[in-house]
Amino acid sequence: MKTQPSRITPKKRPIIGIIIFAIVFTSFIVLGLGLTFLAGFPNQAEELYGPPSKRITTYQRYNLSYKLVNDQSLLLNPMDPYGQEILFSISMGESTNSVLNRLKDVQLISSQEAVRNYLIYTGLDTQLQAGDFTLSASMTSVEIVQTMLDATPHSVTLTILPGWRLEQIAENIPTTGLILSGEEFLQAAHSPPDAFILKYNFPGDISLEGFLLPGSYEVLRDSTTDELFDVILSQFESQVTFDIQDGLNRQGFSLFQGVVLASIVERENVVPEEMPIIASVFVNRLAINMKLETDPTVQYAIGHNKAQGTWWTNPLSYRDLDYNSPYNTYLYFGLPPGPIASPSITALQAVAFPAETPYYYFRAACDGSGRHNFSQTFEQHISYECP
């Protein structure tokens, strides 16, 4: 006996069709709502964090946008509104994961994953810079990331070379990274702090010429002129010891006069060990009221030589020696009105403790060594003239 195949009765077919249609229709509704829901996140993320990187895929954009919108409290709120500044260093070649781990360890960020998603979304994951950065938990994670994109140093080094005049220091300012300009530096240098003048009883009309000791000074990049001079002048105060001041007094010089003469010794010197001998020549001349007749004072008076591209005209002509200026020690007796350059501590020590010599003259040796021949008489001085 054959079994008859089962058949669906006509009444049951409409019911199954309705169920299938309902399922499909509902799926489309859910999918549509889902797509509508997800479509809003890219716009929200762009409003919060800016446009996404062109390197990420469409899937990544939707996925990261969703995560970033949900993590905005982690990324846009600081961990500690009262957090202190700390120095955070990134090494050359350090991985992004390593940087994020260390940021989390020092409690600057609350979520490595959220920050990593932000970096990928913006395309900044390969742009973190090696360097030193001043960061704080009072900054948001986004602000911290933006700071680490700028490797401009927080502090810079200003170098002053022995024998430089103020204008040469000013010309060097733009190369240091300091925000202030050379013009601002010069203007402030010609108006010294009153406290500095009063402390040493300096003349009231002086500039800081000669009082900015040679050396390398690490200062904040955004230092004002007052802050810059505080650092440099504190070095003057610490290096110009009581022994130096006492030695100057025993030579009959005030500190101001000692700096003036030391600046001349600095410009005349090439070989440092000769400084005490050079100083002795000038001390001896002053003692008998003899003119100093030193070229650097004339060079200072003349100022910038455009043709030579230097502040120190060399060689001087006989006409230059007649240049009318109180700084011209060929025309005027005694010390010039002020320093002509930045003397080193060695030059100051040479003036405070000059060698005991009978010399009144010196001139450069003819062997190119930079050394000098010293003489007691003018006749001997003439005999050392180079052929």
Protein backbone atom coordinates (compact mmCIF):
# COMPACT_ATOMS: atom_id res chain seq x y z
CA MET A 1 0.00 0.00 0.00
CA LYS A 2 1.57 3.31 -1.10
CA THR A 3 1.76 6.22 1.25
CA GLN A 4 0.31 9.37 -0.21
CA PRO A 5 2.60 12.47 -0.02
CA SER A 6 1.45 15.00 2.50
CA ARG A 7 0.05 18.15 1.12
CA ILE A 8 -0.45 21.57 2.62
CA THR A 9 -3.91 22.55 2.54
CA PRO A 10 -4.76 25.74 0.74
CA LYS A 11 -5.72 27.39 4.03
CA LYS A 12 -2.18 26.98 5.57
CA ARG A 13 -0.20 28.52 2.65
CA PRO A 14 -1.24 32.16 3.26
CA ILE A 15 -0.30 31.94 6.94
CA ILE A 16 3.30 30.76 6.23
CA GLY A 17 3.74 33.42 3.55
CA ILE A 18 2.62 36.12 5.93
CA ILE A 19 5.13 34.92 8.55
CA ILE A 20 8.03 34.87 6.07
CA PHE A 21 7.10 38.33 4.79
CA ALA A 22 6.92 39.66 8.34
CA ILE A 23 10.37 38.27 9.16
CA VAL A 24 11.97 39.75 6.04
CA PHE A 25 10.20 43.08 6.50
CA THR A 26 11.27 43.26 10.14
CA SER A 27 14.87 42.44 9.18
CA PHE A 28 14.89 45.28 6.70
CA ILE A 29 13.45 47.62 9.30
CA VAL A 30 16.07 46.59 11.89
CA LEU A 31 18.87 46.86 9.33
CA GLY A 32 17.64 50.25 8.23
CA LEU A 33 17.39 51.49 11.79
CA GLY A 34 20.87 50.11 12.51
CA LEU A 35 22.36 51.82 9.49
CA THR A 36 20.60 55.04 10.38
CA PHE A 37 21.90 54.74 13.94
CA LEU A 38 25.49 54.08 12.83
CA ALA A 39 25.39 56.78 10.15
CA GLY A 40 25.22 59.48 12.81
CA PHE A 41 28.50 58.55 14.50
CA PRO A 42 30.90 59.72 11.77
CA ASN A 43 29.30 63.16 11.85
CA GLN A 44 29.45 63.28 15.64
CA ALA A 45 33.07 62.11 15.68
CA GLU A 46 34.03 64.74 13.11
CA GLU A 47 32.42 67.45 15.20
CA LEU A 48 34.33 66.29 18.29
CA TYR A 49 37.73 65.39 16.84
CA GLY A 50 37.93 66.85 13.35
CA PRO A 51 37.99 65.06 10.00
CA PRO A 52 39.19 61.46 9.85
CA SER A 53 42.40 60.40 8.18
CA LYS A 54 42.10 59.57 4.50
CA ARG A 55 44.16 56.46 5.17
CA ILE A 56 41.45 54.62 7.11
CA THR A 57 38.83 52.43 5.44
CA THR A 58 35.08 53.04 5.47
CA TYR A 59 34.65 50.24 7.99
CA GLN A 60 37.34 51.76 10.23
CA ARG A 61 35.70 55.16 10.01
CA TYR A 62 32.35 53.83 11.22
CA ASN A 63 33.92 51.57 13.82
CA LEU A 64 36.33 54.19 15.23
CA SER A 65 33.70 56.93 15.09
CA TYR A 66 31.37 54.81 17.21
CA LYS A 67 34.11 54.14 19.77
CA LEU A 68 35.34 57.72 19.90
CA VAL A 69 31.86 59.15 20.43
CA ASN A 70 31.34 56.70 23.30
CA ASP A 71 34.80 57.45 24.76
CA GLN A 72 34.56 61.22 24.60
CA SER A 73 34.56 61.51 28.40
CA LEU A 74 37.93 59.70 28.44
CA LEU A 75 39.41 61.82 25.68
CA LEU A 76 37.97 65.27 26.29
CA ASN A 77 38.10 65.49 30.08
CA PRO A 78 41.37 65.82 32.08
CA MET A 79 42.26 63.15 34.59
CA ASP A 80 43.05 65.76 37.24
CA PRO A 81 42.06 69.43 36.78
CA TYR A 82 44.71 70.36 39.36
CA GLY A 83 47.48 68.15 37.97
CA GLN A 84 51.06 69.43 38.12
CA GLU A 85 53.28 69.83 35.07
CA ILE A 86 55.85 67.11 34.45
CA LEU A 87 58.55 66.62 31.84
CA PHE A 88 57.75 63.72 29.51
CA SER A 89 60.38 62.51 27.03
CA ILE A 90 59.88 60.49 23.84
CA SER A 91 62.93 58.67 22.53
CA MET A 92 63.86 58.55 18.87
CA GLY A 93 62.19 55.54 17.27
CA GLU A 94 59.99 54.76 20.30
CA SER A 95 56.76 52.94 19.36
CA THR A 96 53.33 54.49 19.85
CA ASN A 97 52.34 51.61 22.15
CA SER A 98 55.36 52.30 24.36
CA VAL A 99 54.47 55.99 24.55
CA LEU A 100 50.86 55.22 25.47
CA ASN A 101 51.92 52.71 28.11
CA ARG A 102 54.16 55.27 29.77
CA LEU A 103 51.51 57.99 29.59
CA LYS A 104 49.17 55.63 31.42
CA ASP A 105 51.85 54.72 33.98
CA VAL A 106 52.40 58.36 34.95
CA GLN A 107 48.62 58.92 35.05
CA LEU A 108 48.42 61.42 32.23
CA ILE A 109 45.78 59.43 30.32
CA SER A 110 43.04 57.13 31.60
CA SER A 111 42.66 54.84 28.56
CA GLN A 112 45.39 53.69 26.20
CA GLU A 113 42.82 52.12 23.86
CA ALA A 114 40.78 55.32 23.57
CA VAL A 115 43.88 57.38 22.78
CA ARG A 116 45.11 54.76 20.29
CA ASN A 117 41.73 54.87 18.50
CA TYR A 118 41.96 58.67 18.35
CA LEU A 119 45.48 58.48 16.90
CA ILE A 120 44.41 56.00 14.19
CA TYR A 121 41.22 57.94 13.39
CA THR A 122 43.15 61.21 12.92
CA GLY A 123 46.18 59.60 11.29
CA LEU A 124 48.45 60.94 14.04
CA ASP A 125 49.67 57.52 15.12
CA THR A 126 52.85 58.00 13.05
CA GLN A 127 53.40 61.69 13.84
CA LEU A 128 54.39 61.73 17.51
CA GLN A 129 57.71 63.54 17.81
CA ALA A 130 60.83 62.58 19.74
CA GLY A 131 61.73 65.24 22.30
CA ASP A 132 60.94 66.65 25.71
CA PHE A 133 57.41 67.84 26.44
CA THR A 134 55.80 69.60 29.39
CA LEU A 135 52.55 67.73 30.08
CA SER A 136 49.99 67.69 32.86
CA ALA A 137 47.03 65.61 34.00
CA SER A 138 45.07 68.85 33.83
CA MET A 139 45.26 68.50 30.03
CA THR A 140 42.82 66.34 28.09
CA SER A 141 44.13 63.31 26.22
CA VAL A 142 43.56 65.14 22.94
CA GLU A 143 45.56 68.15 24.18
CA ILE A 144 48.37 65.85 25.28
CA VAL A 145 48.50 64.24 21.83
CA GLN A 146 48.54 67.64 20.12
CA THR A 147 51.39 68.80 22.37
CA MET A 148 53.45 65.75 21.44
CA LEU A 149 53.20 66.69 17.77
CA ASP A 150 55.37 69.76 18.40
CA ALA A 151 58.98 68.92 19.24
CA THR A 152 59.96 72.55 19.69
CA PRO A 153 62.15 72.53 22.82
CA HIS A 154 60.73 74.00 26.00
CA SER A 155 64.11 75.52 26.83
CA VAL A 156 66.87 76.84 24.60
CA THR A 157 70.54 77.72 24.96
CA LEU A 158 71.90 81.22 24.49
CA THR A 159 75.66 81.31 23.96
CA ILE A 160 77.74 84.44 24.50
CA LEU A 161 81.31 84.30 23.25
CA PRO A 162 84.20 86.17 24.92
CA GLY A 163 84.75 89.56 23.33
CA TRP A 164 81.27 89.89 21.82
CA ARG A 165 79.60 93.29 21.98
CA LEU A 166 75.86 93.63 22.62
CA GLU A 167 75.02 93.85 18.92
CA GLN A 168 76.72 90.52 18.25
CA ILE A 169 74.72 88.87 21.02
CA ALA A 170 71.55 90.39 19.56
CA GLU A 171 72.41 89.03 16.11
CA ASN A 172 72.68 85.56 17.64
CA ILE A 173 69.23 85.72 19.30
CA PRO A 174 67.24 84.48 16.24
CA THR A 175 69.38 81.33 16.02
CA THR A 176 68.66 80.30 19.63
CA GLY A 177 64.91 79.67 19.41
CA LEU A 178 64.09 82.46 21.86
CA ILE A 179 60.78 84.10 21.13
CA LEU A 180 62.05 87.61 21.85
CA SER A 181 63.79 89.46 19.02
CA GLY A 182 67.29 90.87 18.79
CA GLU A 183 65.82 94.39 18.72
CA GLU A 184 63.94 93.74 21.97
CA PHE A 185 67.13 92.37 23.51
CA LEU A 186 69.15 95.47 22.56
CA GLN A 187 66.50 97.88 23.77
CA ALA A 188 66.31 96.15 27.15
CA ALA A 189 70.11 95.87 27.41
CA HIS A 190 70.35 99.66 27.18
CA SER A 191 67.97 99.99 30.14
CA PRO A 192 69.58 97.80 32.85
CA PRO A 193 67.60 96.73 35.92
CA ASP A 194 67.80 99.42 38.62
CA ALA A 195 68.54 96.78 41.26
CA PHE A 196 71.66 95.68 39.37
CA ILE A 197 72.95 99.25 39.04
CA LEU A 198 72.29 100.08 42.70
CA LYS A 199 73.86 96.88 44.01
CA TYR A 200 77.26 97.73 42.54
CA ASN A 201 76.92 101.52 42.57
CA PHE A 202 77.35 101.65 38.79
CA PRO A 203 76.83 104.87 36.81
CA GLY A 204 73.17 105.37 36.06
CA ASP A 205 73.60 105.85 32.31
CA ILE A 206 75.31 102.53 31.55
CA SER A 207 74.07 99.67 29.40
CA LEU A 208 74.68 95.98 30.06
CA GLU A 209 77.67 96.04 27.73
CA GLY A 210 80.43 94.07 29.44
CA PHE A 211 78.22 92.63 32.18
CA LEU A 212 76.81 89.67 30.24
CA LEU A 213 79.52 87.13 30.96
CA PRO A 214 80.52 84.71 28.20
CA GLY A 215 79.04 81.24 28.54
CA SER A 216 76.06 79.08 27.62
CA TYR A 217 72.78 79.88 29.33
CA GLU A 218 69.81 77.51 29.30
CA VAL A 219 66.64 79.58 29.46
CA LEU A 220 62.96 79.12 28.77
CA ARG A 221 62.10 79.58 25.13
CA ASP A 222 59.42 82.16 25.94
CA SER A 223 61.60 84.12 28.39
CA THR A 224 61.04 87.86 28.59
CA THR A 225 64.06 90.17 28.54
CA ASP A 226 63.73 90.61 32.31
CA GLU A 227 63.77 86.85 32.84
CA LEU A 228 66.69 86.43 30.44
CA PHE A 229 68.79 89.08 32.18
CA ASP A 230 67.93 87.63 35.59
CA VAL A 231 69.61 84.38 34.52
CA ILE A 232 72.66 86.00 32.91
CA LEU A 233 73.27 88.66 35.56
CA SER A 234 72.97 86.09 38.36
CA GLN A 235 75.94 84.38 36.72
CA PHE A 236 77.86 87.66 36.85
CA GLU A 237 77.06 88.02 40.53
CA SER A 238 78.13 84.46 41.33
CA GLN A 239 81.36 84.50 39.31
CA VAL A 240 82.60 87.98 40.18
CA THR A 241 83.68 86.96 43.67
CA PHE A 242 84.76 89.11 46.59
CA ASP A 243 88.38 88.16 45.84
CA ILE A 244 88.10 89.61 42.32
CA GLN A 245 86.44 92.78 43.61
CA ASP A 246 89.08 93.11 46.33
CA GLY A 247 91.87 92.62 43.77
CA LEU A 248 90.37 95.35 41.56
CA ASN A 249 90.17 97.70 44.54
CA ARG A 250 93.83 97.11 45.34
CA GLN A 251 94.67 98.09 41.77
CA GLY A 252 92.73 101.30 42.29
CA PHE A 253 89.71 100.24 40.22
CA SER A 254 86.03 100.10 41.02
CA LEU A 255 84.18 97.04 39.76
CA PHE A 256 82.83 99.10 36.86
CA GLN A 257 86.32 100.29 35.89
CA GLY A 258 87.64 96.76 36.24
CA VAL A 259 85.03 95.48 33.77
CA VAL A 260 85.91 98.30 31.35
CA LEU A 261 89.61 97.40 31.37
CA ALA A 262 88.90 93.65 31.30
CA SER A 263 86.82 94.12 28.14
CA ILE A 264 89.84 95.77 26.49
CA VAL A 265 92.16 92.99 27.65
CA GLU A 266 89.70 90.44 26.24
CA ARG A 267 89.72 92.05 22.80
CA GLU A 268 93.53 92.43 22.75
CA ASN A 269 94.16 88.85 23.83
CA VAL A 270 94.58 85.80 21.63
CA VAL A 271 96.52 83.49 23.97
CA PRO A 272 94.79 83.41 27.40
CA GLU A 273 97.98 83.01 29.44
CA GLU A 274 99.13 86.43 28.19
CA MET A 275 96.15 88.22 29.74
CA PRO A 276 97.89 89.14 33.04
CA ILE A 277 100.83 90.59 31.08
CA ILE A 278 98.56 92.57 28.73
CA ALA A 279 96.67 93.85 31.80
CA SER A 280 99.96 94.90 33.38
CA VAL A 281 100.80 97.08 30.35
CA PHE A 282 97.53 99.01 30.70
CA VAL A 283 97.86 99.27 34.48
CA ASN A 284 101.37 100.62 34.05
CA ARG A 285 100.20 103.18 31.48
CA LEU A 286 97.35 104.40 33.65
CA ALA A 287 99.73 104.76 36.58
CA ILE A 288 101.84 107.34 34.70
CA ASN A 289 98.85 109.03 32.98
CA MET A 290 99.82 107.64 29.59
CA LYS A 291 97.18 107.11 26.91
CA LEU A 292 96.04 103.49 26.56
CA GLU A 293 96.17 103.72 22.74
CA THR A 294 94.45 100.40 22.16
CA ASP A 295 92.86 99.49 18.80
CA PRO A 296 89.75 97.68 20.14
CA THR A 297 88.42 100.92 21.65
CA VAL A 298 88.61 102.59 18.22
CA GLN A 299 86.97 99.57 16.60
CA TYR A 300 84.16 99.78 19.16
CA ALA A 301 83.69 103.49 18.48
CA ILE A 302 83.55 103.03 14.70
CA GLY A 303 80.97 100.26 14.98
CA HIS A 304 79.81 98.05 12.14
CA ASN A 305 81.96 97.95 9.03
CA LYS A 306 79.61 97.12 6.14
CA ALA A 307 82.40 96.55 3.67
CA GLN A 308 84.11 93.99 5.91
CA GLY A 309 80.84 92.66 7.38
CA THR A 310 82.16 92.93 10.92
CA TRP A 311 81.77 94.97 14.09
CA TRP A 312 85.56 95.05 14.52
CA THR A 313 87.27 96.87 11.65
CA ASN A 314 90.60 95.25 10.89
CA PRO A 315 93.07 96.60 10.00
CA LEU A 316 92.55 100.14 11.23
CA SER A 317 93.81 102.99 9.08
CA TYR A 318 95.61 106.08 10.36
CA ARG A 319 92.44 107.98 9.57
CA ASP A 320 90.48 105.60 11.82
CA LEU A 321 92.79 106.49 14.71
CA ASP A 322 91.54 110.10 14.45
CA TYR A 323 87.88 109.01 14.79
CA ASN A 324 86.42 111.42 17.31
CA SER A 325 84.80 109.46 20.14
CA PRO A 326 85.33 109.33 23.91
CA TYR A 327 85.99 105.63 23.33
CA ASN A 328 89.02 106.45 21.17
CA THR A 329 91.93 105.92 23.57
CA TYR A 330 94.35 107.32 20.99
CA LEU A 331 92.70 110.71 21.49
CA TYR A 332 91.55 110.61 25.12
CA PHE A 333 93.37 109.77 28.33
CA GLY A 334 92.20 107.19 30.83
CA LEU A 335 89.59 104.52 30.48
CA PRO A 336 86.78 104.81 27.93
CA PRO A 337 83.29 105.65 29.27
CA GLY A 338 82.23 102.01 29.46
CA PRO A 339 83.06 98.41 28.54
CA ILE A 340 83.47 97.59 24.86
CA ALA A 341 82.62 93.86 24.96
CA SER A 342 81.88 90.90 27.23
CA PRO A 343 85.06 90.00 29.14
CA SER A 344 85.63 86.48 30.42
CA ILE A 345 86.25 85.81 34.10
CA THR A 346 89.86 85.11 33.07
CA ALA A 347 90.15 88.69 31.76
CA LEU A 348 88.63 90.07 34.97
CA GLN A 349 91.05 88.04 37.05
CA ALA A 350 93.93 89.34 34.91
CA VAL A 351 92.95 92.93 35.71
CA ALA A 352 92.42 92.13 39.39
CA PHE A 353 95.73 90.29 39.60
CA PRO A 354 97.96 91.60 36.79
CA ALA A 355 101.51 90.39 36.31
CA GLU A 356 104.20 92.63 37.77
CA THR A 357 106.11 93.82 34.69
CA PRO A 358 108.04 96.90 33.52
CA TYR A 359 106.23 96.85 30.18
CA TYR A 360 104.45 99.79 28.55
CA TYR A 361 104.14 98.42 25.03
CA PHE A 362 103.18 95.24 23.20
CA ARG A 363 102.59 94.23 19.63
CA ALA A 364 101.72 91.02 17.81
CA ALA A 365 104.56 88.64 17.09
CA CYS A 366 105.29 88.08 13.41
CA ASP A 367 105.00 84.28 13.53
CA GLY A 368 101.19 84.14 13.36
CA SER A 369 100.97 82.47 16.77
CA GLY A 370 98.77 85.16 18.24
CA ARG A 371 101.35 85.89 20.91
CA HIS A 372 102.82 89.32 21.60
CA ASN A 373 106.23 90.86 22.08
CA PHE A 374 106.31 93.10 25.16
CA SER A 375 108.61 96.11 25.57
CA GLN A 376 109.61 98.58 28.24
CA THR A 377 110.71 101.30 25.80
CA PHE A 378 109.22 102.68 22.61
CA GLU A 379 112.47 102.02 20.75
CA GLN A 380 112.31 98.33 21.61
CA HIS A 381 108.63 98.32 20.65
CA ILE A 382 109.50 99.69 17.19
CA SER A 383 112.17 97.03 16.73
CA TYR A 384 109.46 94.34 16.91
CA GLU A 385 107.65 95.70 13.86
CA CYS A 386 107.08 92.96 11.30
CA PRO A 387 109.03 93.25 8.04
